[in-house]
Structures are given as structure tokens and as C-alpha cells.
Amino acid sequence: MMDKIWRRFPLTCLCAAALLCAGPARATDLQVLTEENPPISFSENGKAGGLGTELVNKIQQRLKNHFAPQVLPWARAYGMLQQEPNVVLFATMRTAEREPQFKWVGPIATVKTSFYARRGDGRHLASLAEAKAASDILVPREYYSHQMLAQLGFSNLQPVTRPDIMVRMLMAGRSALMVGDNLTMGPLLLSVGAKPGDAEPLYTLMESQYYIAFSRQLPDALVQQWQSSLDDMKRDGSFAALYAKWLPGEAPPGIRPNPPLAAGAAK
């Protein structure tokens, strides 16, 4: 008798039931991605670490879920953020050009981006025009700085896959200039065997803020949960304590964000 009942039960109903059960779980799964960019994020013993990683993990603890951050090359992770529906990527610079592409939670750090040269080279930069006339400029591929300078007409950019490769090339004399920021330059220099002061900023390109970026397809309610948890951490002091641990002496950003940075804007 039961055999006859099962034979009559439409296969399509079984499939529909399976989809209903599996659908919500898949919808809430997240791919949490970051890159090698100490002290914001880096890989250590096969796991992600750094300020951004600890912050993302603490936010998830408050939301009672955990998707372990995965360290990937930036260009690959950024491409996944653009193309896939369930990606979270940190730390991402929030610019006017990127604003409509993603959803945003932050700010999580304030950054000053500059053109750098080896200390003692005797080079000087007083304007973007002078930088545009340089022989070549190292820049991490698909970073906000790469995108911005390309939009400004720089034809002398030499993109590389990772910031540490860029720093190593500058220290080896394979290029005269690179683009970096005040938060990560010291650790990057140490990672290639140089001293924190071996590269000096010549001209500040911009001041901006790091965020956690979300695929556009993710629900607004999910993004708001992350934002509320971050804001609560800023109110209760836990964010400031985390910031002081990784960036001693730097002032943490408050709850009120700065406007998205437009191409060519510098402070």
C-alpha cells in the first residue's frame, strides 16, 4: 500500500520541498574574504588575522554566526565581490565610484594614502602633475588608488598583485615610486626585511576610510545588523580597544562616516 502511495506522490513535490528546506540556508551563507594587508588583515598558520579580521569575527559573534574569513589576492576577492551574490570583503575603501556597486558597513579605519619613495633618494613631489610625469609608479592591482589614478589619466602605473611585492620592488630599486598608506606601510616594510622608515611619503593623494563591503544582492536587513553591531562596539568601547591593540596611537573612526571619496579628491 505504501509503495503505491509513494509512486503516486509527484516527484516535483519532493523537489519543491527540498528547495524550500535548502533555500534559506543558502541565502544566509556568506563568503567572507580579505587579503594580505597587515595589520588590517593577513594570513597566519593558515588562518586570517589582523584588525579587520578580529573586528569581523567579533561582529559575527554578536550576531551568533561565524563564517571564517578567507585570505585571497585582492583582485580575485574584489572580482568575486562584483560578480557573486553572497560576498563580504574587507577592508574596502569606500569611494564615490564604488558607492552604487556594493553595500557598506563602517567605517572601520581612517587611512592617509600617499606616493612613497625610498628614504634618501632625494626625490620630491609637489603635485599630481609631477607624479604623472614620473617614469613609473607601483600600485596594487584593483586597489582604490589604482582605480583612481587610472581615472585621472595616469599612464605610468605598474600594477602588482600584492602590496608586499610592491614594497619589495621599491626597496630593490626596480621602481622609483609606489602608492601606499600610513596604516600598513610600516608592517609591509618589516615583512620584506626593511625598517619602518625606509620608505617616506612624498605627496598625499587622499585621506579616506576603510569599510566592510557587501554584495549588492545581500539583504539590507543583514547589512544593517552588521552596521548596528559595529556601532554598538563603538559605543561600548570594545572597538576602540581593538583599534588601540593593532594601531596604537591612531584615532579610531567614529560612528558618523565621511562622504564617499571622489576621484581626484585629496586632503
Foldseek 3Di string as FASTA:
>chain_A
DVVVVVVPPDPVVVVVVVCVVCVVVVLQDAAEEEEPFPQCWHDDPRAIHHLVQVLVQQLVVVVVDDDGYDYDFPVVLVVCLQPPAHYKYPFAFFAPVCVVQWDWADQQAKKWKFKKFFPPPPDADDDVVVVLPFQAEEEAPPHPVVVLVVVVPRPRYDHDRDPLVRLLCRVVVVGGIYMDIDQRQQVSQVVNPHHSRRMDGRGTQAMTTTIITHGPNRDPVVSVSSNVSVLVCLVVVVSVVSCCVRPNPDDTDHSDHDPHHYRRDHD
